[in-house]
Amino acid sequence: VSVDVLNKEISIVGKENVFPVMTGGLDFGIDNKTQDAGKLTVKGIKFVGNGIRVDDMASVTIEGNIFENITASNAIYVAADEYTTTLAITNNTKR
């Protein structure tokens, strides 16, 4: 999934202790760097094969996910810039 986000709030949240499986990974970001870059929250998802890539978002929360058999060099990649005000990456598991 690839999404161009500007001034949007996106939350992808799995049901507690269920961990829906995502095999294609996630790619979020914007083409122009502004303070309206948007907010992204990803919680409780099981990523298999591909992880998460985030570019230039204003707020990023990646919490409580499972990353399994990731083929990329990073399960989580975040490119923050001067407009990134919140960056929280906590309690994730790589298998």
PDB file of N, CA and C in Angstrom:
ATOM      1  N   VAL A   1       0.856  -1.172   0.000  1.00  0.00           N
ATOM      2  CA  VAL A   1       0.000   0.000   0.000  1.00  0.00           C
ATOM      3  C   VAL A   1       0.894   1.224   0.000  1.00  0.00           C
ATOM      4  N   SER A   2       0.652   2.161  -0.893  1.00  0.00           N
ATOM      5  CA  SER A   2       1.411   3.400  -0.944  1.00  0.00           C
ATOM      6  C   SER A   2       0.425   4.562  -0.939  1.00  0.00           C
ATOM      7  N   VAL A   3       0.622   5.522  -0.040  1.00  0.00           N
ATOM      8  CA  VAL A   3      -0.333   6.615   0.125  1.00  0.00           C
ATOM      9  C   VAL A   3       0.406   7.947   0.203  1.00  0.00           C
ATOM     10  N   ASP A   4      -0.069   8.936  -0.545  1.00  0.00           N
ATOM     11  CA  ASP A   4       0.450  10.294  -0.456  1.00  0.00           C
ATOM     12  C   ASP A   4      -0.499  11.069   0.453  1.00  0.00           C
ATOM     13  N   VAL A   5       0.011  11.542   1.591  1.00  0.00           N
ATOM     14  CA  VAL A   5      -0.840  12.120   2.634  1.00  0.00           C
ATOM     15  C   VAL A   5      -0.468  13.582   2.850  1.00  0.00           C
ATOM     16  N   LEU A   6      -1.468  14.460   2.812  1.00  0.00           N
ATOM     17  CA  LEU A   6      -1.260  15.859   3.127  1.00  0.00           C
ATOM     18  C   LEU A   6      -2.408  16.322   4.009  1.00  0.00           C
ATOM     19  N   ASN A   7      -2.056  16.760   5.206  1.00  0.00           N
ATOM     20  CA  ASN A   7      -3.027  17.268   6.171  1.00  0.00           C
ATOM     21  C   ASN A   7      -4.124  16.244   6.488  1.00  0.00           C
ATOM     22  N   LYS A   8      -3.746  14.983   6.584  1.00  0.00           N
ATOM     23  CA  LYS A   8      -4.678  13.904   6.902  1.00  0.00           C
ATOM     24  C   LYS A   8      -4.198  13.181   8.148  1.00  0.00           C
ATOM     25  N   GLU A   9      -5.138  12.526   8.818  1.00  0.00           N
ATOM     26  CA  GLU A   9      -4.821  11.705   9.979  1.00  0.00           C
ATOM     27  C   GLU A   9      -5.233  10.277   9.650  1.00  0.00           C
ATOM     28  N   ILE A  10      -4.265   9.366   9.644  1.00  0.00           N
ATOM     29  CA  ILE A  10      -4.544   7.975   9.300  1.00  0.00           C
ATOM     30  C   ILE A  10      -4.161   7.091  10.477  1.00  0.00           C
ATOM     31  N   SER A  11      -5.123   6.241  10.872  1.00  0.00           N
ATOM     32  CA  SER A  11      -4.866   5.264  11.937  1.00  0.00           C
ATOM     33  C   SER A  11      -5.185   3.879  11.407  1.00  0.00           C
ATOM     34  N   ILE A  12      -4.220   2.984  11.545  1.00  0.00           N
ATOM     35  CA  ILE A  12      -4.414   1.586  11.189  1.00  0.00           C
ATOM     36  C   ILE A  12      -4.182   0.817  12.479  1.00  0.00           C
ATOM     37  N   VAL A  13      -5.260   0.314  13.054  1.00  0.00           N
ATOM     38  CA  VAL A  13      -5.193  -0.275  14.388  1.00  0.00           C
ATOM     39  C   VAL A  13      -5.870  -1.638  14.365  1.00  0.00           C
ATOM     40  N   GLY A  14      -5.114  -2.668  14.777  1.00  0.00           N
ATOM     41  CA  GLY A  14      -5.680  -4.007  14.865  1.00  0.00           C
ATOM     42  C   GLY A  14      -6.428  -4.196  16.176  1.00  0.00           C
ATOM     43  N   LYS A  15      -7.303  -5.181  16.176  1.00  0.00           N
ATOM     44  CA  LYS A  15      -8.039  -5.518  17.385  1.00  0.00           C
ATOM     45  C   LYS A  15      -7.069  -6.121  18.395  1.00  0.00           C
ATOM     46  N   GLU A  16      -7.248  -5.820  19.661  1.00  0.00           N
ATOM     47  CA  GLU A  16      -6.325  -6.248  20.705  1.00  0.00           C
ATOM     48  C   GLU A  16      -6.085  -7.759  20.664  1.00  0.00           C
ATOM     49  N   ASN A  17      -4.814  -8.146  20.633  1.00  0.00           N
ATOM     50  CA  ASN A  17      -4.347  -9.537  20.639  1.00  0.00           C
ATOM     51  C   ASN A  17      -4.781 -10.360  19.427  1.00  0.00           C
ATOM     52  N   VAL A  18      -5.219  -9.723  18.340  1.00  0.00           N
ATOM     53  CA  VAL A  18      -5.604 -10.455  17.124  1.00  0.00           C
ATOM     54  C   VAL A  18      -4.526 -10.310  16.043  1.00  0.00           C
ATOM     55  N   PHE A  19      -3.937  -9.156  15.870  1.00  0.00           N
ATOM     56  CA  PHE A  19      -2.872  -8.866  14.917  1.00  0.00           C
ATOM     57  C   PHE A  19      -3.222  -9.264  13.478  1.00  0.00           C
ATOM     58  N   PRO A  20      -4.055  -8.470  12.788  1.00  0.00           N
ATOM     59  CA  PRO A  20      -4.318  -8.725  11.370  1.00  0.00           C
ATOM     60  C   PRO A  20      -2.996  -8.747  10.602  1.00  0.00           C
ATOM     61  N   VAL A  21      -2.907  -9.583   9.577  1.00  0.00           N
ATOM     62  CA  VAL A  21      -1.657  -9.770   8.834  1.00  0.00           C
ATOM     63  C   VAL A  21      -1.645  -8.895   7.588  1.00  0.00           C
ATOM     64  N   MET A  22      -0.539  -8.163   7.408  1.00  0.00           N
ATOM     65  CA  MET A  22      -0.330  -7.358   6.210  1.00  0.00           C
ATOM     66  C   MET A  22       0.949  -7.856   5.540  1.00  0.00           C
ATOM     67  N   THR A  23       0.835  -8.312   4.294  1.00  0.00           N
ATOM     68  CA  THR A  23       1.998  -8.870   3.609  1.00  0.00           C
ATOM     69  C   THR A  23       2.654  -7.899   2.638  1.00  0.00           C
ATOM     70  N   GLY A  24       1.961  -6.838   2.230  1.00  0.00           N
ATOM     71  CA  GLY A  24       2.524  -5.913   1.248  1.00  0.00           C
ATOM     72  C   GLY A  24       3.302  -4.765   1.843  1.00  0.00           C
ATOM     73  N   GLY A  25       3.267  -4.626   3.165  1.00  0.00           N
ATOM     74  CA  GLY A  25       3.935  -3.508   3.812  1.00  0.00           C
ATOM     75  C   GLY A  25       3.150  -2.213   3.653  1.00  0.00           C
ATOM     76  N   LEU A  26       3.659  -1.143   4.253  1.00  0.00           N
ATOM     77  CA  LEU A  26       3.037   0.181   4.167  1.00  0.00           C
ATOM     78  C   LEU A  26       4.086   1.204   3.779  1.00  0.00           C
ATOM     79  N   ASP A  27       3.692   2.157   2.935  1.00  0.00           N
ATOM     80  CA  ASP A  27       4.577   3.232   2.505  1.00  0.00           C
ATOM     81  C   ASP A  27       3.767   4.522   2.556  1.00  0.00           C
ATOM     82  N   PHE A  28       4.101   5.409   3.516  1.00  0.00           N
ATOM     83  CA  PHE A  28       3.380   6.664   3.696  1.00  0.00           C
ATOM     84  C   PHE A  28       4.331   7.830   3.575  1.00  0.00           C
ATOM     85  N   GLY A  29       3.827   8.940   3.031  1.00  0.00           N
ATOM     86  CA  GLY A  29       4.639  10.140   2.972  1.00  0.00           C
ATOM     87  C   GLY A  29       4.028  11.181   2.078  1.00  0.00           C
ATOM     88  N   ILE A  30       4.753  12.272   1.928  1.00  0.00           N
ATOM     89  CA  ILE A  30       4.298  13.362   1.075  1.00  0.00           C
ATOM     90  C   ILE A  30       5.409  13.774   0.129  1.00  0.00           C
ATOM     91  N   ASP A  31       5.024  14.414  -0.958  1.00  0.00           N
ATOM     92  CA  ASP A  31       6.005  14.889  -1.929  1.00  0.00           C
ATOM     93  C   ASP A  31       6.549  16.257  -1.580  1.00  0.00           C
ATOM     94  N   ASN A  32       5.725  17.078  -0.920  1.00  0.00           N
ATOM     95  CA  ASN A  32       6.201  18.408  -0.538  1.00  0.00           C
ATOM     96  C   ASN A  32       6.273  18.502   0.978  1.00  0.00           C
ATOM     97  N   LYS A  33       7.337  19.035   1.469  1.00  0.00           N
ATOM     98  CA  LYS A  33       7.562  19.114   2.915  1.00  0.00           C
ATOM     99  C   LYS A  33       6.919  20.371   3.475  1.00  0.00           C
ATOM    100  N   THR A  34       5.880  20.169   4.299  1.00  0.00           N
ATOM    101  CA  THR A  34       5.211  21.291   4.960  1.00  0.00           C
ATOM    102  C   THR A  34       4.801  20.851   6.353  1.00  0.00           C
ATOM    103  N   GLN A  35       4.329  21.794   7.138  1.00  0.00           N
ATOM    104  CA  GLN A  35       3.856  21.462   8.475  1.00  0.00           C
ATOM    105  C   GLN A  35       2.515  20.732   8.432  1.00  0.00           C
ATOM    106  N   ASP A  36       1.876  20.668   7.268  1.00  0.00           N
ATOM    107  CA  ASP A  36       0.602  19.973   7.110  1.00  0.00           C
ATOM    108  C   ASP A  36       0.800  18.536   6.638  1.00  0.00           C
ATOM    109  N   ALA A  37       1.910  17.949   7.007  1.00  0.00           N
ATOM    110  CA  ALA A  37       2.285  16.648   6.475  1.00  0.00           C
ATOM    111  C   ALA A  37       1.411  15.497   6.936  1.00  0.00           C
ATOM    112  N   GLY A  38       0.601  15.673   7.946  1.00  0.00           N
ATOM    113  CA  GLY A  38      -0.310  14.619   8.371  1.00  0.00           C
ATOM    114  C   GLY A  38       0.206  13.805   9.536  1.00  0.00           C
ATOM    115  N   LYS A  39      -0.702  12.955  10.068  1.00  0.00           N
ATOM    116  CA  LYS A  39      -0.386  12.122  11.223  1.00  0.00           C
ATOM    117  C   LYS A  39      -0.653  10.668  10.878  1.00  0.00           C
ATOM    118  N   LEU A  40       0.235   9.792  11.327  1.00  0.00           N
ATOM    119  CA  LEU A  40       0.102   8.363  11.062  1.00  0.00           C
ATOM    120  C   LEU A  40       0.245   7.589  12.365  1.00  0.00           C
ATOM    121  N   THR A  41      -0.712   6.685  12.606  1.00  0.00           N
ATOM    122  CA  THR A  41      -0.648   5.772  13.744  1.00  0.00           C
ATOM    123  C   THR A  41      -0.846   4.357  13.226  1.00  0.00           C
ATOM    124  N   VAL A  42       0.084   3.462  13.566  1.00  0.00           N
ATOM    125  CA  VAL A  42      -0.032   2.049  13.205  1.00  0.00           C
ATOM    126  C   VAL A  42       0.189   1.243  14.475  1.00  0.00           C
ATOM    127  N   LYS A  43      -0.853   0.473  14.882  1.00  0.00           N
ATOM    128  CA  LYS A  43      -0.780  -0.314  16.120  1.00  0.00           C
ATOM    129  C   LYS A  43      -1.414  -1.688  15.914  1.00  0.00           C
ATOM    130  N   GLY A  44      -0.778  -2.700  16.484  1.00  0.00           N
ATOM    131  CA  GLY A  44      -1.385  -4.024  16.543  1.00  0.00           C
ATOM    132  C   GLY A  44      -1.526  -4.740  15.223  1.00  0.00           C
ATOM    133  N   ILE A  45      -0.566  -4.562  14.312  1.00  0.00           N
ATOM    134  CA  ILE A  45      -0.596  -5.216  13.004  1.00  0.00           C
ATOM    135  C   ILE A  45       0.591  -6.171  12.904  1.00  0.00           C
ATOM    136  N   LYS A  46       0.402  -7.306  12.238  1.00  0.00           N
ATOM    137  CA  LYS A  46       1.492  -8.236  11.978  1.00  0.00           C
ATOM    138  C   LYS A  46       1.921  -8.051  10.525  1.00  0.00           C
ATOM    139  N   PHE A  47       3.159  -7.631  10.327  1.00  0.00           N
ATOM    140  CA  PHE A  47       3.723  -7.421   9.008  1.00  0.00           C
ATOM    141  C   PHE A  47       4.582  -8.628   8.649  1.00  0.00           C
ATOM    142  N   VAL A  48       4.313  -9.222   7.486  1.00  0.00           N
ATOM    143  CA  VAL A  48       5.073 -10.377   7.031  1.00  0.00           C
ATOM    144  C   VAL A  48       5.703 -10.033   5.684  1.00  0.00           C
ATOM    145  N   GLY A  49       7.025 -10.165   5.590  1.00  0.00           N
ATOM    146  CA  GLY A  49       7.735  -9.908   4.342  1.00  0.00           C
ATOM    147  C   GLY A  49       8.185  -8.468   4.176  1.00  0.00           C
ATOM    148  N   ASN A  50       7.286  -7.520   4.355  1.00  0.00           N
ATOM    149  CA  ASN A  50       7.604  -6.096   4.215  1.00  0.00           C
ATOM    150  C   ASN A  50       7.111  -5.333   5.435  1.00  0.00           C
ATOM    151  N   GLY A  51       7.835  -4.271   5.792  1.00  0.00           N
ATOM    152  CA  GLY A  51       7.493  -3.491   6.981  1.00  0.00           C
ATOM    153  C   GLY A  51       6.854  -2.162   6.640  1.00  0.00           C
ATOM    154  N   ILE A  52       7.284  -1.119   7.347  1.00  0.00           N
ATOM    155  CA  ILE A  52       6.715   0.213   7.217  1.00  0.00           C
ATOM    156  C   ILE A  52       7.797   1.199   6.792  1.00  0.00           C
ATOM    157  N   ARG A  53       7.460   2.040   5.824  1.00  0.00           N
ATOM    158  CA  ARG A  53       8.330   3.154   5.422  1.00  0.00           C
ATOM    159  C   ARG A  53       7.502   4.424   5.528  1.00  0.00           C
ATOM    160  N   VAL A  54       8.050   5.424   6.226  1.00  0.00           N
ATOM    161  CA  VAL A  54       7.347   6.693   6.427  1.00  0.00           C
ATOM    162  C   VAL A  54       8.307   7.831   6.095  1.00  0.00           C
ATOM    163  N   ASP A  55       7.842   8.752   5.251  1.00  0.00           N
ATOM    164  CA  ASP A  55       8.657   9.903   4.863  1.00  0.00           C
ATOM    165  C   ASP A  55       7.947  11.206   5.210  1.00  0.00           C
ATOM    166  N   ASP A  56       8.610  12.039   5.993  1.00  0.00           N
ATOM    167  CA  ASP A  56       8.229  13.439   6.195  1.00  0.00           C
ATOM    168  C   ASP A  56       6.808  13.649   6.723  1.00  0.00           C
ATOM    169  N   MET A  57       6.369  12.841   7.651  1.00  0.00           N
ATOM    170  CA  MET A  57       5.060  13.043   8.281  1.00  0.00           C
ATOM    171  C   MET A  57       5.241  13.930   9.510  1.00  0.00           C
ATOM    172  N   ALA A  58       4.199  14.675   9.894  1.00  0.00           N
ATOM    173  CA  ALA A  58       4.277  15.555  11.055  1.00  0.00           C
ATOM    174  C   ALA A  58       4.276  14.770  12.362  1.00  0.00           C
ATOM    175  N   SER A  59       3.536  13.662  12.387  1.00  0.00           N
ATOM    176  CA  SER A  59       3.435  12.854  13.599  1.00  0.00           C
ATOM    177  C   SER A  59       3.410  11.388  13.208  1.00  0.00           C
ATOM    178  N   VAL A  60       4.249  10.583  13.848  1.00  0.00           N
ATOM    179  CA  VAL A  60       4.319   9.156  13.549  1.00  0.00           C
ATOM    180  C   VAL A  60       4.307   8.372  14.854  1.00  0.00           C
ATOM    181  N   THR A  61       3.355   7.427  14.968  1.00  0.00           N
ATOM    182  CA  THR A  61       3.312   6.505  16.097  1.00  0.00           C
ATOM    183  C   THR A  61       3.238   5.096  15.534  1.00  0.00           C
ATOM    184  N   ILE A  62       4.237   4.282  15.852  1.00  0.00           N
ATOM    185  CA  ILE A  62       4.284   2.878  15.430  1.00  0.00           C
ATOM    186  C   ILE A  62       4.472   2.082  16.708  1.00  0.00           C
ATOM    187  N   GLU A  63       3.430   1.357  17.110  1.00  0.00           N
ATOM    188  CA  GLU A  63       3.433   0.770  18.451  1.00  0.00           C
ATOM    189  C   GLU A  63       2.778  -0.619  18.472  1.00  0.00           C
ATOM    190  N   GLY A  64       3.436  -1.552  19.146  1.00  0.00           N
ATOM    191  CA  GLY A  64       2.842  -2.855  19.416  1.00  0.00           C
ATOM    192  C   GLY A  64       2.595  -3.714  18.191  1.00  0.00           C
ATOM    193  N   ASN A  65       3.453  -3.610  17.186  1.00  0.00           N
ATOM    194  CA  ASN A  65       3.313  -4.405  15.969  1.00  0.00           C
ATOM    195  C   ASN A  65       4.277  -5.581  15.987  1.00  0.00           C
ATOM    196  N   ILE A  66       4.012  -6.564  15.130  1.00  0.00           N
ATOM    197  CA  ILE A  66       4.907  -7.702  14.952  1.00  0.00           C
ATOM    198  C   ILE A  66       5.448  -7.649  13.526  1.00  0.00           C
ATOM    199  N   PHE A  67       6.765  -7.800  13.376  1.00  0.00           N
ATOM    200  CA  PHE A  67       7.417  -7.816  12.068  1.00  0.00           C
ATOM    201  C   PHE A  67       8.078  -9.185  11.902  1.00  0.00           C
ATOM    202  N   GLU A  68       7.635  -9.925  10.880  1.00  0.00           N
ATOM    203  CA  GLU A  68       8.083 -11.307  10.714  1.00  0.00           C
ATOM    204  C   GLU A  68       8.636 -11.531   9.308  1.00  0.00           C
ATOM    205  N   ASN A  69       9.801 -12.162   9.242  1.00  0.00           N
ATOM    206  CA  ASN A  69      10.440 -12.494   7.957  1.00  0.00           C
ATOM    207  C   ASN A  69      10.537 -11.288   7.024  1.00  0.00           C
ATOM    208  N   ILE A  70      10.977 -10.162   7.553  1.00  0.00           N
ATOM    209  CA  ILE A  70      11.091  -8.932   6.763  1.00  0.00           C
ATOM    210  C   ILE A  70      12.267  -9.065   5.804  1.00  0.00           C
ATOM    211  N   THR A  71      12.019  -8.826   4.516  1.00  0.00           N
ATOM    212  CA  THR A  71      13.067  -8.976   3.507  1.00  0.00           C
ATOM    213  C   THR A  71      13.859  -7.691   3.280  1.00  0.00           C
ATOM    214  N   ALA A  72      13.309  -6.553   3.645  1.00  0.00           N
ATOM    215  CA  ALA A  72      14.021  -5.275   3.506  1.00  0.00           C
ATOM    216  C   ALA A  72      15.072  -5.163   4.611  1.00  0.00           C
ATOM    217  N   SER A  73      15.972  -4.197   4.462  1.00  0.00           N
ATOM    218  CA  SER A  73      17.019  -4.029   5.474  1.00  0.00           C
ATOM    219  C   SER A  73      16.468  -3.511   6.801  1.00  0.00           C
ATOM    220  N   ASN A  74      15.301  -2.849   6.778  1.00  0.00           N
ATOM    221  CA  ASN A  74      14.684  -2.324   8.001  1.00  0.00           C
ATOM    222  C   ASN A  74      13.217  -2.727   8.064  1.00  0.00           C
ATOM    223  N   ALA A  75      12.778  -3.181   9.220  1.00  0.00           N
ATOM    224  CA  ALA A  75      11.349  -3.445   9.415  1.00  0.00           C
ATOM    225  C   ALA A  75      10.594  -2.126   9.505  1.00  0.00           C
ATOM    226  N   ILE A  76      11.223  -1.129  10.127  1.00  0.00           N
ATOM    227  CA  ILE A  76      10.630   0.196  10.269  1.00  0.00           C
ATOM    228  C   ILE A  76      11.640   1.221   9.779  1.00  0.00           C
ATOM    229  N   TYR A  77      11.235   2.042   8.826  1.00  0.00           N
ATOM    230  CA  TYR A  77      12.085   3.122   8.328  1.00  0.00           C
ATOM    231  C   TYR A  77      11.282   4.422   8.408  1.00  0.00           C
ATOM    232  N   VAL A  78      11.792   5.403   9.123  1.00  0.00           N
ATOM    233  CA  VAL A  78      11.130   6.703   9.232  1.00  0.00           C
ATOM    234  C   VAL A  78      12.141   7.786   8.877  1.00  0.00           C
ATOM    235  N   ALA A  79      11.810   8.578   7.864  1.00  0.00           N
ATOM    236  CA  ALA A  79      12.616   9.738   7.506  1.00  0.00           C
ATOM    237  C   ALA A  79      11.909  10.970   8.064  1.00  0.00           C
ATOM    238  N   ALA A  80      12.403  11.450   9.182  1.00  0.00           N
ATOM    239  CA  ALA A  80      11.809  12.632   9.815  1.00  0.00           C
ATOM    240  C   ALA A  80      12.479  13.887   9.255  1.00  0.00           C
ATOM    241  N   ASP A  81      11.741  14.992   9.306  1.00  0.00           N
ATOM    242  CA  ASP A  81      12.308  16.263   8.875  1.00  0.00           C
ATOM    243  C   ASP A  81      11.978  17.345   9.901  1.00  0.00           C
ATOM    244  N   GLU A  82      12.218  18.598   9.564  1.00  0.00           N
ATOM    245  CA  GLU A  82      12.012  19.682  10.522  1.00  0.00           C
ATOM    246  C   GLU A  82      10.552  19.877  10.910  1.00  0.00           C
ATOM    247  N   TYR A  83       9.625  19.294  10.163  1.00  0.00           N
ATOM    248  CA  TYR A  83       8.204  19.407  10.480  1.00  0.00           C
ATOM    249  C   TYR A  83       7.679  18.228  11.294  1.00  0.00           C
ATOM    250  N   THR A  84       8.514  17.240  11.536  1.00  0.00           N
ATOM    251  CA  THR A  84       8.109  16.092  12.346  1.00  0.00           C
ATOM    252  C   THR A  84       8.144  16.506  13.812  1.00  0.00           C
ATOM    253  N   THR A  85       6.970  16.572  14.434  1.00  0.00           N
ATOM    254  CA  THR A  85       6.886  17.025  15.825  1.00  0.00           C
ATOM    255  C   THR A  85       6.757  15.877  16.811  1.00  0.00           C
ATOM    256  N   THR A  86       6.239  14.727  16.357  1.00  0.00           N
ATOM    257  CA  THR A  86       6.077  13.564  17.230  1.00  0.00           C
ATOM    258  C   THR A  86       6.589  12.325  16.515  1.00  0.00           C
ATOM    259  N   LEU A  87       7.472  11.601  17.186  1.00  0.00           N
ATOM    260  CA  LEU A  87       7.968  10.330  16.650  1.00  0.00           C
ATOM    261  C   LEU A  87       8.035   9.331  17.791  1.00  0.00           C
ATOM    262  N   ALA A  88       7.121   8.351  17.783  1.00  0.00           N
ATOM    263  CA  ALA A  88       7.062   7.345  18.848  1.00  0.00           C
ATOM    264  C   ALA A  88       7.064   5.961  18.220  1.00  0.00           C
ATOM    265  N   ILE A  89       8.130   5.207  18.465  1.00  0.00           N
ATOM    266  CA  ILE A  89       8.236   3.833  17.978  1.00  0.00           C
ATOM    267  C   ILE A  89       8.500   2.974  19.203  1.00  0.00           C
ATOM    268  N   THR A  90       7.468   2.235  19.655  1.00  0.00           N
ATOM    269  CA  THR A  90       7.582   1.514  20.923  1.00  0.00           C
ATOM    270  C   THR A  90       6.933   0.129  20.860  1.00  0.00           C
ATOM    271  N   ASN A  91       7.490  -0.773  21.644  1.00  0.00           N
ATOM    272  CA  ASN A  91       6.919  -2.102  21.900  1.00  0.00           C
ATOM    273  C   ASN A  91       6.616  -2.896  20.631  1.00  0.00           C
ATOM    274  N   ASN A  92       7.489  -2.808  19.625  1.00  0.00           N
ATOM    275  CA  ASN A  92       7.356  -3.607  18.422  1.00  0.00           C
ATOM    276  C   ASN A  92       8.251  -4.829  18.531  1.00  0.00           C
ATOM    277  N   THR A  93       7.898  -5.902  17.841  1.00  0.00           N
ATOM    278  CA  THR A  93       8.652  -7.158  17.911  1.00  0.00           C
ATOM    279  C   THR A  93       9.066  -7.576  16.500  1.00  0.00           C
ATOM    280  N   LYS A  94      10.347  -7.928  16.335  1.00  0.00           N
ATOM    281  CA  LYS A  94      10.827  -8.448  15.055  1.00  0.00           C
ATOM    282  C   LYS A  94      11.184  -9.915  15.258  1.00  0.00           C
ATOM    283  N   ARG A  95      10.607 -10.758  14.410  1.00  0.00           N
ATOM    284  CA  ARG A  95      10.863 -12.213  14.479  1.00  0.00           C
ATOM    285  C   ARG A  95      11.570 -12.709  13.252  1.00  0.00           C
TER     286      ARG A  95
END
